[in-house]
Amino acid sequence: MSGVAACSDQTSLESAGPFTRRERRVREERQRSDYTGDVRSHQWIEQRSLALHEAVAAKLEAHPQLMDVARRNLERWLQQNPATALREWRRILDSTPLPGVIELLRSPSDEATRLRQSSPFAGLLTTEERRAIMGAYESRRS
């Protein structure tokens, strides 16, 4: 039985139109959602990514052994999808000393910005660290 057929009287049926109240509400909520109503600029997203990777860089300076997390992520991802950017990250991690990787993570260059889009450093920040950075960026979005 459709939502329209479930209406109890003709007035309700006519006011429901092709959608039930619930269907209209869901549709309106989707229209107001962050995805459609509050799209962020590329610059805003890149700045947030840079801030997240700055935190990763600081953590790597304090705990260099965390590079192993990035290497494990990368190997797992490469088994599923040998994308060019992932292969590039493998080359970087295999051939670049830690200070060079940290410099890359902190760099605002176009190359670093591109590489951050496929960063193997997932899981290095705690949920609380990520939330703090994300919250700071959400509070100042335009």
C-alpha atoms as a PDB file:
ATOM      1  CA  MET A   1       0.000   0.000   0.000  1.00  0.00           C
ATOM      2  CA  SER A   2       1.521   3.356  -0.962  1.00  0.00           C
ATOM      3  CA  GLY A   3       1.726   6.338   1.375  1.00  0.00           C
ATOM      4  CA  VAL A   4      -0.830   8.197  -0.747  1.00  0.00           C
ATOM      5  CA  ALA A   5      -3.358   5.360  -0.542  1.00  0.00           C
ATOM      6  CA  ALA A   6      -2.967   5.323   3.235  1.00  0.00           C
ATOM      7  CA  CYS A   7      -4.501   8.819   3.568  1.00  0.00           C
ATOM      8  CA  SER A   8      -7.839   8.531   5.362  1.00  0.00           C
ATOM      9  CA  ASP A   9      -9.898  11.200   3.622  1.00  0.00           C
ATOM     10  CA  GLN A  10     -10.020  13.074   0.326  1.00  0.00           C
ATOM     11  CA  THR A  11      -8.661  16.317   1.854  1.00  0.00           C
ATOM     12  CA  SER A  12      -5.588  14.530   3.174  1.00  0.00           C
ATOM     13  CA  LEU A  13      -5.162  12.761  -0.128  1.00  0.00           C
ATOM     14  CA  GLU A  14      -5.252  16.024  -2.075  1.00  0.00           C
ATOM     15  CA  SER A  15      -2.886  17.844   0.292  1.00  0.00           C
ATOM     16  CA  ALA A  16      -0.442  14.954   0.179  1.00  0.00           C
ATOM     17  CA  GLY A  17      -0.127  15.252  -3.588  1.00  0.00           C
ATOM     18  CA  PRO A  18       2.285  12.713  -5.018  1.00  0.00           C
ATOM     19  CA  PHE A  19       4.245  12.589  -1.735  1.00  0.00           C
ATOM     20  CA  THR A  20       3.297  11.736   1.827  1.00  0.00           C
ATOM     21  CA  ARG A  21       4.151  14.231   4.559  1.00  0.00           C
ATOM     22  CA  ARG A  22       7.105  12.063   5.576  1.00  0.00           C
ATOM     23  CA  GLU A  23       8.399  11.880   2.004  1.00  0.00           C
ATOM     24  CA  ARG A  24       8.110  15.683   1.662  1.00  0.00           C
ATOM     25  CA  ARG A  25       9.924  16.187   4.970  1.00  0.00           C
ATOM     26  CA  VAL A  26      12.761  13.849   3.938  1.00  0.00           C
ATOM     27  CA  ARG A  27      13.037  15.618   0.580  1.00  0.00           C
ATOM     28  CA  GLU A  28      13.144  19.048   2.261  1.00  0.00           C
ATOM     29  CA  GLU A  29      15.778  17.882   4.759  1.00  0.00           C
ATOM     30  CA  ARG A  30      17.946  16.644   1.909  1.00  0.00           C
ATOM     31  CA  GLN A  31      17.628  20.029   0.231  1.00  0.00           C
ATOM     32  CA  ARG A  32      18.793  21.749   3.441  1.00  0.00           C
ATOM     33  CA  SER A  33      21.612  19.282   4.120  1.00  0.00           C
ATOM     34  CA  ASP A  34      25.243  20.362   4.363  1.00  0.00           C
ATOM     35  CA  TYR A  35      25.975  18.571   1.131  1.00  0.00           C
ATOM     36  CA  THR A  36      23.658  20.652  -1.009  1.00  0.00           C
ATOM     37  CA  GLY A  37      23.132  23.763   1.061  1.00  0.00           C
ATOM     38  CA  ASP A  38      26.556  24.454   2.472  1.00  0.00           C
ATOM     39  CA  VAL A  39      29.212  23.278   0.034  1.00  0.00           C
ATOM     40  CA  ARG A  40      32.754  24.151   1.056  1.00  0.00           C
ATOM     41  CA  SER A  41      35.259  25.695  -1.323  1.00  0.00           C
ATOM     42  CA  HIS A  42      38.280  23.731  -2.509  1.00  0.00           C
ATOM     43  CA  GLN A  43      40.494  26.252  -0.733  1.00  0.00           C
ATOM     44  CA  TRP A  44      38.673  25.662   2.581  1.00  0.00           C
ATOM     45  CA  ILE A  45      38.998  21.878   2.189  1.00  0.00           C
ATOM     46  CA  GLU A  46      42.690  22.158   1.292  1.00  0.00           C
ATOM     47  CA  GLN A  47      43.377  24.378   4.313  1.00  0.00           C
ATOM     48  CA  ARG A  48      41.622  21.909   6.594  1.00  0.00           C
ATOM     49  CA  SER A  49      43.627  19.048   5.074  1.00  0.00           C
ATOM     50  CA  LEU A  50      46.834  21.020   5.608  1.00  0.00           C
ATOM     51  CA  ALA A  51      45.891  21.560   9.275  1.00  0.00           C
ATOM     52  CA  LEU A  52      45.210  17.833   9.725  1.00  0.00           C
ATOM     53  CA  HIS A  53      48.540  16.964   8.120  1.00  0.00           C
ATOM     54  CA  GLU A  54      50.343  19.543  10.256  1.00  0.00           C
ATOM     55  CA  ALA A  55      49.069  17.592  13.268  1.00  0.00           C
ATOM     56  CA  VAL A  56      50.221  14.341  11.640  1.00  0.00           C
ATOM     57  CA  ALA A  57      53.662  15.875  11.024  1.00  0.00           C
ATOM     58  CA  ALA A  58      53.954  16.929  14.666  1.00  0.00           C
ATOM     59  CA  LYS A  59      52.966  13.452  15.781  1.00  0.00           C
ATOM     60  CA  LEU A  60      55.527  11.870  13.450  1.00  0.00           C
ATOM     61  CA  GLU A  61      58.239  14.134  14.877  1.00  0.00           C
ATOM     62  CA  ALA A  62      57.383  12.930  18.374  1.00  0.00           C
ATOM     63  CA  HIS A  63      56.819   9.277  17.366  1.00  0.00           C
ATOM     64  CA  PRO A  64      58.735   8.389  14.157  1.00  0.00           C
ATOM     65  CA  GLN A  65      57.651   4.749  14.451  1.00  0.00           C
ATOM     66  CA  LEU A  66      54.158   5.862  13.352  1.00  0.00           C
ATOM     67  CA  MET A  67      55.502   5.900   9.789  1.00  0.00           C
ATOM     68  CA  ASP A  68      54.830   2.150   9.929  1.00  0.00           C
ATOM     69  CA  VAL A  69      51.078   2.868  10.127  1.00  0.00           C
ATOM     70  CA  ALA A  70      51.264   4.845   6.882  1.00  0.00           C
ATOM     71  CA  ARG A  71      53.316   2.108   5.214  1.00  0.00           C
ATOM     72  CA  ARG A  72      50.827  -0.589   6.266  1.00  0.00           C
ATOM     73  CA  ASN A  73      47.887   1.524   5.055  1.00  0.00           C
ATOM     74  CA  LEU A  74      49.605   2.081   1.755  1.00  0.00           C
ATOM     75  CA  GLU A  75      50.395  -1.589   1.171  1.00  0.00           C
ATOM     76  CA  ARG A  76      46.824  -2.594   2.010  1.00  0.00           C
ATOM     77  CA  TRP A  77      45.379   0.073  -0.294  1.00  0.00           C
ATOM     78  CA  LEU A  78      47.751  -0.785  -3.132  1.00  0.00           C
ATOM     79  CA  GLN A  79      46.537  -4.390  -3.064  1.00  0.00           C
ATOM     80  CA  GLN A  80      43.010  -3.137  -3.709  1.00  0.00           C
ATOM     81  CA  ASN A  81      43.809  -0.248  -6.056  1.00  0.00           C
ATOM     82  CA  PRO A  82      47.266   0.422  -7.511  1.00  0.00           C
ATOM     83  CA  ALA A  83      46.407   4.066  -8.241  1.00  0.00           C
ATOM     84  CA  THR A  84      49.179   6.345  -9.436  1.00  0.00           C
ATOM     85  CA  ALA A  85      49.014   8.585  -6.357  1.00  0.00           C
ATOM     86  CA  LEU A  86      49.366   5.582  -4.045  1.00  0.00           C
ATOM     87  CA  ARG A  87      52.375   4.330  -5.985  1.00  0.00           C
ATOM     88  CA  GLU A  88      53.806   7.828  -5.717  1.00  0.00           C
ATOM     89  CA  TRP A  89      53.337   7.777  -1.946  1.00  0.00           C
ATOM     90  CA  ARG A  90      55.106   4.410  -1.772  1.00  0.00           C
ATOM     91  CA  ARG A  91      58.074   5.847  -3.683  1.00  0.00           C
ATOM     92  CA  ILE A  92      58.143   8.869  -1.350  1.00  0.00           C
ATOM     93  CA  LEU A  93      57.966   6.779   1.830  1.00  0.00           C
ATOM     94  CA  ASP A  94      60.600   4.354   0.540  1.00  0.00           C
ATOM     95  CA  SER A  95      63.076   7.005  -0.585  1.00  0.00           C
ATOM     96  CA  THR A  96      62.529  10.103   1.554  1.00  0.00           C
ATOM     97  CA  PRO A  97      63.939  10.487   5.070  1.00  0.00           C
ATOM     98  CA  LEU A  98      61.439  11.414   7.791  1.00  0.00           C
ATOM     99  CA  PRO A  99      62.328  15.151   7.784  1.00  0.00           C
ATOM    100  CA  GLY A 100      61.511  15.286   4.051  1.00  0.00           C
ATOM    101  CA  VAL A 101      58.163  13.536   4.562  1.00  0.00           C
ATOM    102  CA  ILE A 102      57.330  15.951   7.388  1.00  0.00           C
ATOM    103  CA  GLU A 103      58.265  18.903   5.179  1.00  0.00           C
ATOM    104  CA  LEU A 104      55.975  17.555   2.440  1.00  0.00           C
ATOM    105  CA  LEU A 105      53.067  17.123   4.874  1.00  0.00           C
ATOM    106  CA  ARG A 106      53.433  20.761   5.959  1.00  0.00           C
ATOM    107  CA  SER A 107      53.951  22.191   2.496  1.00  0.00           C
ATOM    108  CA  PRO A 108      51.311  24.411   0.886  1.00  0.00           C
ATOM    109  CA  SER A 109      52.686  23.547  -2.587  1.00  0.00           C
ATOM    110  CA  ASP A 110      50.416  22.275  -5.348  1.00  0.00           C
ATOM    111  CA  GLU A 111      52.217  18.908  -5.320  1.00  0.00           C
ATOM    112  CA  ALA A 112      51.757  18.486  -1.564  1.00  0.00           C
ATOM    113  CA  THR A 113      48.110  19.554  -1.804  1.00  0.00           C
ATOM    114  CA  ARG A 114      47.538  16.930  -4.506  1.00  0.00           C
ATOM    115  CA  LEU A 115      49.303  14.220  -2.501  1.00  0.00           C
ATOM    116  CA  ARG A 116      47.320  14.996   0.664  1.00  0.00           C
ATOM    117  CA  GLN A 117      44.171  14.003  -1.231  1.00  0.00           C
ATOM    118  CA  SER A 118      45.383  10.378  -1.140  1.00  0.00           C
ATOM    119  CA  SER A 119      47.339  10.498   2.114  1.00  0.00           C
ATOM    120  CA  PRO A 120      48.326   7.166   3.678  1.00  0.00           C
ATOM    121  CA  PHE A 121      48.415   8.732   7.155  1.00  0.00           C
ATOM    122  CA  ALA A 122      44.866   7.701   8.082  1.00  0.00           C
ATOM    123  CA  GLY A 123      44.673   6.497  11.654  1.00  0.00           C
ATOM    124  CA  LEU A 124      47.623   8.481  13.015  1.00  0.00           C
ATOM    125  CA  LEU A 125      45.439  11.071  14.704  1.00  0.00           C
ATOM    126  CA  THR A 126      43.093  10.086  17.487  1.00  0.00           C
ATOM    127  CA  THR A 127      39.381  10.748  17.130  1.00  0.00           C
ATOM    128  CA  GLU A 128      39.754  13.612  19.628  1.00  0.00           C
ATOM    129  CA  GLU A 129      42.630  15.187  17.663  1.00  0.00           C
ATOM    130  CA  ARG A 130      40.690  14.993  14.408  1.00  0.00           C
ATOM    131  CA  ARG A 131      37.518  16.363  16.019  1.00  0.00           C
ATOM    132  CA  ALA A 132      39.404  19.328  17.468  1.00  0.00           C
ATOM    133  CA  ILE A 133      40.823  20.281  14.065  1.00  0.00           C
ATOM    134  CA  MET A 134      37.573  19.617  12.211  1.00  0.00           C
ATOM    135  CA  GLY A 135      35.638  21.596  14.825  1.00  0.00           C
ATOM    136  CA  ALA A 136      37.999  24.539  14.510  1.00  0.00           C
ATOM    137  CA  TYR A 137      37.488  24.570  10.750  1.00  0.00           C
ATOM    138  CA  GLU A 138      33.729  24.140  10.972  1.00  0.00           C
ATOM    139  CA  SER A 139      33.533  27.149  13.312  1.00  0.00           C
ATOM    140  CA  ARG A 140      35.287  29.410  10.800  1.00  0.00           C
ATOM    141  CA  ARG A 141      33.848  28.244   7.512  1.00  0.00           C
ATOM    142  CA  SER A 142      32.403  30.860   5.269  1.00  0.00           C
END
